[in-house]
């Protein structure tokens, strides 16, 4: 009987040990870095529920037990955190106590140029302009991640990111490029080819559409007009390509600006400019690849965020007179 009781106790201990060991490990499907936000004033139980819901930990009780055992109930810090994949419970607890993985939120807006993206990153405390300039002069990282890219312009993907407060600039640029690569789906390459564009040309055109269109529904229409002009050998005559080369920038163009001798001047030269003129959204990229066929050849701003579209030059000129009043 005594041996039986001892055996049962040992079995219970082994099972309990295996259970605890299993629940100390990260969930099986925790396979990529995750961002979490610990709200100020949250207690251990609330944090445990949140981490379980976010699939960072397997077991709330085990998490709370470790926090209590280490005396960390009052030391879990609020803020954004980047948790590395497969981090076990001990590592997660230490991260929240040490605050070393604290992250900062930044939104890279659609339609910014590389220069403007760098300015935003620097203004938010992510490195210096000199560090970014050094990285952007070297195309190694670009070629490594996006095989068809010929410039960083166009490929720093716009969205909201969470970076470690002390993240190095090279990792930040790499992350932006990786997000572009993830978003540019495999079928996009085939689609670009089917409409007569290389992938790089599609991004160049998408960058122009990004700067021309404010309304989502107008993007495919404008893309279709530009494609029609390209195919017929007409000049694009896109104002954003002129603004791209102006220094300093100004919202309203002068007639003399249209005479600037630059390969980006689509009023002087037919075809696409040599590089994208901004970092376009996925919406503008899709608008180019899945453009809308229309009878239009011209468009002019209606000064209300949209455009007037027309099929003939005379109609286009009437709209220009209308909006100038």
Protein backbone atom coordinates (compact mmCIF):
# COMPACT_ATOMS: atom_id res chain seq x y z
CA UNK A 1 0.00 0.00 0.00
CA UNK A 2 2.82 2.35 0.95
CA UNK A 3 4.60 1.69 -2.36
CA UNK A 4 1.35 2.26 -4.21
CA UNK A 5 0.84 5.66 -2.55
CA UNK A 6 4.45 6.65 -3.30
CA UNK A 7 3.99 5.60 -6.93
CA UNK A 8 0.80 7.64 -7.27
CA UNK A 9 2.50 10.68 -5.74
CA UNK A 10 5.46 10.31 -8.11
CA UNK A 11 3.12 9.99 -11.07
CA UNK A 12 1.24 13.12 -10.00
CA UNK A 13 4.53 14.98 -9.59
CA UNK A 14 5.73 13.90 -13.04
CA UNK A 15 2.42 14.79 -14.69
CA UNK A 16 2.32 18.14 -12.90
CA UNK A 17 5.93 18.81 -13.92
CA UNK A 18 5.21 17.99 -17.55
CA UNK A 19 2.09 20.16 -17.45
CA UNK A 20 3.97 23.11 -16.00
CA UNK A 21 6.90 22.64 -18.40
CA UNK A 22 4.54 22.54 -21.37
CA UNK A 23 2.76 25.70 -20.27
CA UNK A 24 6.02 27.54 -19.69
CA UNK A 25 6.76 27.28 -23.40
CA UNK A 26 5.39 29.63 -26.03
CA UNK A 27 2.22 28.59 -27.89
CA UNK A 28 2.98 26.46 -30.94
CA UNK A 29 1.50 29.04 -33.32
CA UNK A 30 3.47 31.94 -31.82
CA UNK A 31 5.74 31.95 -34.87
CA UNK A 32 6.39 35.64 -35.53
CA UNK A 33 7.25 38.76 -33.56
CA UNK A 34 4.21 40.35 -31.94
CA UNK A 35 3.39 43.80 -30.62
CA UNK A 36 1.43 44.05 -27.37
CA UNK A 37 0.24 47.03 -25.38
CA UNK A 38 0.12 46.85 -21.59
CA UNK A 39 -2.27 49.53 -20.39
CA UNK A 40 -1.25 51.76 -17.45
CA UNK A 41 -2.70 50.47 -14.18
CA UNK A 42 -3.42 46.95 -15.45
CA UNK A 43 -3.03 44.30 -12.74
CA UNK A 44 -1.40 40.89 -13.11
CA UNK A 45 -4.69 39.12 -13.78
CA UNK A 46 -5.69 41.59 -16.50
CA UNK A 47 -2.26 41.35 -18.13
CA UNK A 48 -2.40 37.54 -18.02
CA UNK A 49 -5.83 37.50 -19.70
CA UNK A 50 -4.60 39.88 -22.40
CA UNK A 51 -1.42 37.92 -23.11
CA UNK A 52 -3.41 34.68 -23.32
CA UNK A 53 -5.88 36.32 -25.71
CA UNK A 54 -2.97 37.57 -27.86
CA UNK A 55 -1.49 34.06 -27.93
CA UNK A 56 1.72 35.15 -26.19
CA UNK A 57 1.30 32.68 -23.32
CA UNK A 58 -0.48 29.35 -22.98
CA UNK A 59 -1.68 29.53 -19.41
CA UNK A 60 -2.78 32.53 -17.34
CA UNK A 61 -2.30 30.72 -14.00
CA UNK A 62 1.32 29.79 -14.77
CA UNK A 63 2.07 33.41 -15.76
CA UNK A 64 0.52 34.77 -12.54
CA UNK A 65 2.30 32.13 -10.46
CA UNK A 66 5.72 33.14 -11.85
CA UNK A 67 5.00 36.85 -11.37
CA UNK A 68 3.98 36.24 -7.76
CA UNK A 69 6.90 33.88 -7.04
CA UNK A 70 9.39 36.50 -8.28
CA UNK A 71 7.65 39.32 -6.42
CA UNK A 72 6.93 41.25 -9.64
CA UNK A 73 3.24 42.09 -9.09
CA UNK A 74 3.97 45.82 -8.83
CA UNK A 75 6.84 45.90 -11.34
CA UNK A 76 5.15 45.07 -14.65
CA UNK A 77 5.58 48.17 -16.81
CA UNK A 78 2.96 49.66 -19.12
CA UNK A 79 3.68 50.44 -22.78
CA UNK A 80 4.11 48.89 -26.22
CA UNK A 81 6.32 45.83 -26.41
CA UNK A 82 7.77 43.75 -29.20
CA UNK A 83 7.79 40.13 -28.09
CA UNK A 84 10.06 37.84 -30.06
CA UNK A 85 8.54 34.63 -31.41
CA UNK A 86 8.76 31.55 -29.19
CA UNK A 87 9.51 33.63 -26.05
CA UNK A 88 8.73 31.44 -23.03
CA UNK A 89 6.80 32.72 -20.00
CA UNK A 90 9.96 33.56 -18.02
CA UNK A 91 11.22 35.69 -20.91
CA UNK A 92 7.85 37.45 -21.29
CA UNK A 93 7.76 38.27 -17.57
CA UNK A 94 11.33 39.60 -17.65
CA UNK A 95 10.53 41.77 -20.70
CA UNK A 96 7.58 43.40 -18.93
CA UNK A 97 9.64 44.00 -15.80
CA UNK A 98 12.81 45.28 -17.46
CA UNK A 99 11.04 47.39 -20.08
CA UNK A 100 13.91 46.71 -22.47
CA UNK A 101 11.65 45.70 -25.31
CA UNK A 102 9.52 48.82 -25.03
CA UNK A 103 8.37 49.88 -28.48
CA UNK A 104 7.25 53.14 -30.03
CA UNK A 105 4.47 53.54 -32.56
CA UNK A 106 5.02 55.37 -35.84
CA UNK A 107 2.80 55.66 -38.90
CA UNK A 108 4.52 55.92 -42.27
CA UNK A 109 1.93 57.80 -44.28
CA UNK A 110 0.98 56.91 -47.82
CA UNK A 111 2.58 59.02 -50.53
CA UNK A 112 5.66 60.19 -48.63
CA UNK A 113 8.99 60.36 -50.43
CA UNK A 114 12.02 58.55 -49.03
CA UNK A 115 13.33 61.89 -47.77
CA UNK A 116 10.06 62.56 -45.94
CA UNK A 117 10.01 59.05 -44.45
CA UNK A 118 13.52 59.60 -43.10
CA UNK A 119 12.50 62.98 -41.65
CA UNK A 120 9.56 61.36 -39.83
CA UNK A 121 11.75 58.56 -38.47
CA UNK A 122 14.38 60.99 -37.22
CA UNK A 123 11.76 63.31 -35.71
CA UNK A 124 10.39 60.34 -33.77
CA UNK A 125 13.78 59.47 -32.35
CA UNK A 126 14.68 56.57 -34.62
CA UNK A 127 18.28 57.32 -35.56
CA UNK A 128 19.87 60.20 -37.42
CA UNK A 129 19.62 61.50 -40.97
CA UNK A 130 23.29 60.63 -41.53
CA UNK A 131 22.67 56.99 -40.59
CA UNK A 132 19.77 56.68 -43.03
CA UNK A 133 21.63 58.42 -45.84
CA UNK A 134 24.47 55.93 -45.47
CA UNK A 135 22.05 52.99 -45.66
CA UNK A 136 20.14 54.41 -48.63
CA UNK A 137 23.33 54.91 -50.65
CA UNK A 138 23.93 51.17 -50.50
CA UNK A 139 21.49 49.11 -52.59
CA UNK A 140 22.55 45.81 -51.03
CA UNK A 141 19.57 45.64 -48.69
CA UNK A 142 17.17 46.69 -51.45
CA UNK A 143 18.38 44.04 -53.91
CA UNK A 144 18.39 41.40 -51.22
CA UNK A 145 14.71 41.87 -50.41
CA UNK A 146 13.02 43.11 -53.62
CA UNK A 147 14.60 41.69 -56.75
CA UNK A 148 13.00 44.10 -59.23
CA UNK A 149 13.53 47.35 -57.31
CA UNK A 150 16.00 49.89 -58.67
CA UNK A 151 15.60 52.56 -56.00
CA UNK A 152 14.49 52.78 -52.38
CA UNK A 153 11.94 55.35 -53.53
CA UNK A 154 8.66 53.51 -53.94
CA UNK A 155 9.41 50.58 -51.62
CA UNK A 156 9.33 51.91 -48.04
CA UNK A 157 5.90 50.52 -47.36
CA UNK A 158 3.38 52.87 -45.70
CA UNK A 159 1.58 51.55 -42.64
CA UNK A 160 1.71 51.73 -38.83
CA UNK A 161 4.78 50.14 -37.23
CA UNK A 162 6.04 49.44 -33.74
CA UNK A 163 9.81 49.64 -33.37
CA UNK A 164 11.97 49.18 -30.33
CA UNK A 165 12.92 52.53 -28.91
CA UNK A 166 16.61 51.89 -29.61
CA UNK A 167 16.10 50.06 -32.90
CA UNK A 168 18.94 50.61 -35.37
CA UNK A 169 18.06 52.38 -38.67
CA UNK A 170 19.12 49.47 -40.87
CA UNK A 171 16.58 47.19 -39.19
CA UNK A 172 13.87 49.81 -39.64
CA UNK A 173 14.54 50.20 -43.38
CA UNK A 174 14.69 46.43 -43.69
CA UNK A 175 11.29 46.10 -41.99
CA UNK A 176 9.69 48.64 -44.35
CA UNK A 177 11.07 46.77 -47.35
CA UNK A 178 9.92 43.44 -45.94
CA UNK A 179 6.39 44.79 -45.53
CA UNK A 180 6.40 45.85 -49.18
CA UNK A 181 7.55 42.38 -50.20
CA UNK A 182 4.78 40.76 -48.14
CA UNK A 183 2.13 43.05 -49.61
CA UNK A 184 3.25 42.70 -53.24
CA UNK A 185 1.54 39.39 -53.92
CA UNK A 186 3.01 36.84 -56.37
CA UNK A 187 0.14 37.31 -58.83
CA UNK A 188 0.96 41.02 -59.09
CA UNK A 189 4.08 40.22 -61.14
CA UNK A 190 2.05 38.23 -63.66
CA UNK A 191 -0.60 40.92 -63.79
CA UNK A 192 1.96 43.68 -64.42
CA UNK A 193 3.39 41.68 -67.31
CA UNK A 194 -0.06 41.08 -68.78
CA UNK A 195 -0.77 44.83 -69.00
CA UNK A 196 2.62 45.57 -70.53
CA UNK A 197 4.51 46.83 -67.49
CA UNK A 198 7.46 45.58 -65.52
CA UNK A 199 6.94 45.41 -61.77
CA UNK A 200 9.17 48.45 -61.33
CA UNK A 201 7.19 50.42 -63.92
CA UNK A 202 3.97 49.47 -62.12
CA UNK A 203 5.33 50.96 -58.88
CA UNK A 204 6.44 54.12 -60.69
CA UNK A 205 2.95 54.59 -62.12
CA UNK A 206 1.34 53.73 -58.78
CA UNK A 207 3.40 56.47 -57.13
CA UNK A 208 2.00 59.01 -59.59
CA UNK A 209 -1.56 57.76 -59.04
CA UNK A 210 -0.96 58.03 -55.28
CA UNK A 211 -0.12 61.72 -55.57
CA UNK A 212 -2.91 62.48 -58.07
CA UNK A 213 -5.89 60.75 -56.44
CA UNK A 214 -7.47 61.57 -53.10
CA UNK A 215 -10.63 59.54 -53.64
CA UNK A 216 -10.31 55.78 -53.55
CA UNK A 217 -12.77 55.24 -56.38
CA UNK A 218 -10.84 57.56 -58.69
CA UNK A 219 -7.52 55.70 -58.46
CA UNK A 220 -8.32 52.97 -61.06
CA UNK A 221 -9.82 55.60 -63.40
CA UNK A 222 -6.72 57.81 -63.25
CA UNK A 223 -4.46 54.76 -63.61
CA UNK A 224 -6.42 53.78 -66.72
CA UNK A 225 -5.98 57.24 -68.24
CA UNK A 226 -2.22 57.19 -67.65
CA UNK A 227 -1.90 53.71 -69.14
CA UNK A 228 -3.84 54.84 -72.20
CA UNK A 229 -1.48 57.78 -72.61
CA UNK A 230 1.58 55.58 -72.22
CA UNK A 231 0.38 53.11 -74.82
CA UNK A 232 -0.40 55.84 -77.32
CA UNK A 233 2.95 57.57 -76.82
CA UNK A 234 1.37 60.67 -75.30
CA UNK A 235 3.00 62.56 -72.45
CA UNK A 236 1.60 61.83 -69.01
CA UNK A 237 1.58 65.53 -68.05
CA UNK A 238 1.32 64.67 -64.38
CA UNK A 239 1.80 67.63 -62.03
CA UNK A 240 3.14 65.50 -59.12
CA UNK A 241 6.21 64.61 -61.20
CA UNK A 242 7.03 68.32 -61.39
CA UNK A 243 6.48 68.83 -57.67
CA UNK A 244 8.88 65.96 -57.02
CA UNK A 245 11.79 67.88 -58.54
CA UNK A 246 10.96 71.28 -57.07
CA UNK A 247 13.19 72.51 -54.27
CA UNK A 248 11.80 74.10 -52.20
CA UNK A 249 8.37 72.54 -52.64
CA UNK A 250 5.27 74.63 -53.26
CA UNK A 251 1.62 73.60 -53.68
CA UNK A 252 0.90 75.57 -56.85
CA UNK A 253 2.95 75.14 -60.01
CA UNK A 254 4.04 77.96 -62.27
CA UNK A 255 4.07 77.70 -66.07
CA UNK A 256 7.84 78.04 -65.95
CA UNK A 257 8.00 74.88 -63.80
CA UNK A 258 6.66 72.90 -66.74
CA UNK A 259 9.80 73.79 -68.69
CA UNK A 260 12.27 72.39 -66.15
CA UNK A 261 14.61 70.08 -68.03
CA UNK A 262 14.45 66.88 -66.00
CA UNK A 263 13.68 63.24 -66.83
CA UNK A 264 10.96 63.54 -64.17
CA UNK A 265 9.21 66.26 -66.15
CA UNK A 266 6.34 64.38 -67.78
CA UNK A 267 5.22 67.58 -69.51
CA UNK A 268 8.46 67.59 -71.52
CA UNK A 269 9.22 63.90 -71.90
CA UNK A 270 6.93 61.00 -72.81
CA UNK A 271 6.91 57.79 -70.81
CA UNK A 272 7.45 57.24 -67.11
CA UNK A 273 9.94 59.08 -64.90
CA UNK A 274 13.09 57.11 -64.02
CA UNK A 275 11.98 56.21 -60.48
CA UNK A 276 8.83 56.32 -58.35
CA UNK A 277 8.07 59.78 -56.96
CA UNK A 278 6.81 58.56 -53.59
CA UNK A 279 6.07 55.40 -51.64
CA UNK A 280 2.60 54.38 -52.80
CA UNK A 281 -0.13 52.57 -50.90
CA UNK A 282 -1.21 49.06 -51.81
CA UNK A 283 -4.44 50.66 -52.97
CA UNK A 284 -2.64 52.67 -55.66
CA UNK A 285 -0.60 49.63 -56.70
CA UNK A 286 -3.80 47.63 -57.16
CA UNK A 287 -5.39 50.55 -59.01
CA UNK A 288 -2.62 50.36 -61.63
CA UNK A 289 -2.66 46.59 -61.93
CA UNK A 290 -6.45 46.39 -62.05
CA UNK A 291 -7.18 49.73 -63.71
CA UNK A 292 -10.56 50.81 -65.02
CA UNK A 293 -11.20 51.08 -68.76
CA UNK A 294 -12.94 54.38 -69.54
CA UNK A 295 -13.32 56.69 -72.55
CA UNK A 296 -11.42 59.41 -70.68
CA UNK A 297 -8.08 60.94 -71.68
CA UNK A 298 -8.02 63.99 -69.42
CA UNK A 299 -8.79 65.01 -65.86
CA UNK A 300 -8.54 68.16 -63.80
CA UNK A 301 -8.97 68.77 -60.08
CA UNK A 302 -12.42 69.96 -59.02
CA UNK A 303 -10.81 71.71 -56.01
CA UNK A 304 -12.93 69.54 -53.71
CA UNK A 305 -10.69 66.51 -53.48
CA UNK A 306 -11.93 64.90 -56.69
CA UNK A 307 -11.60 65.38 -60.44
CA UNK A 308 -13.55 66.19 -63.57
CA UNK A 309 -12.90 63.61 -66.28
CA UNK A 310 -13.26 64.19 -70.00
CA UNK A 311 -12.73 62.42 -73.32
CA UNK A 312 -11.88 65.42 -75.49
CA UNK A 313 -9.52 68.35 -75.15
CA UNK A 314 -12.31 70.87 -75.66
CA UNK A 315 -14.30 69.34 -72.82
CA UNK A 316 -11.19 69.27 -70.66
CA UNK A 317 -10.54 72.96 -71.34
CA UNK A 318 -14.11 73.83 -70.33
CA UNK A 319 -13.56 72.10 -67.00
CA UNK A 320 -10.28 73.97 -66.52
CA UNK A 321 -12.12 77.27 -67.01
CA UNK A 322 -14.84 76.14 -64.59
CA UNK A 323 -12.42 75.31 -61.76
CA UNK A 324 -10.39 78.48 -62.27
CA UNK A 325 -13.36 80.73 -61.48
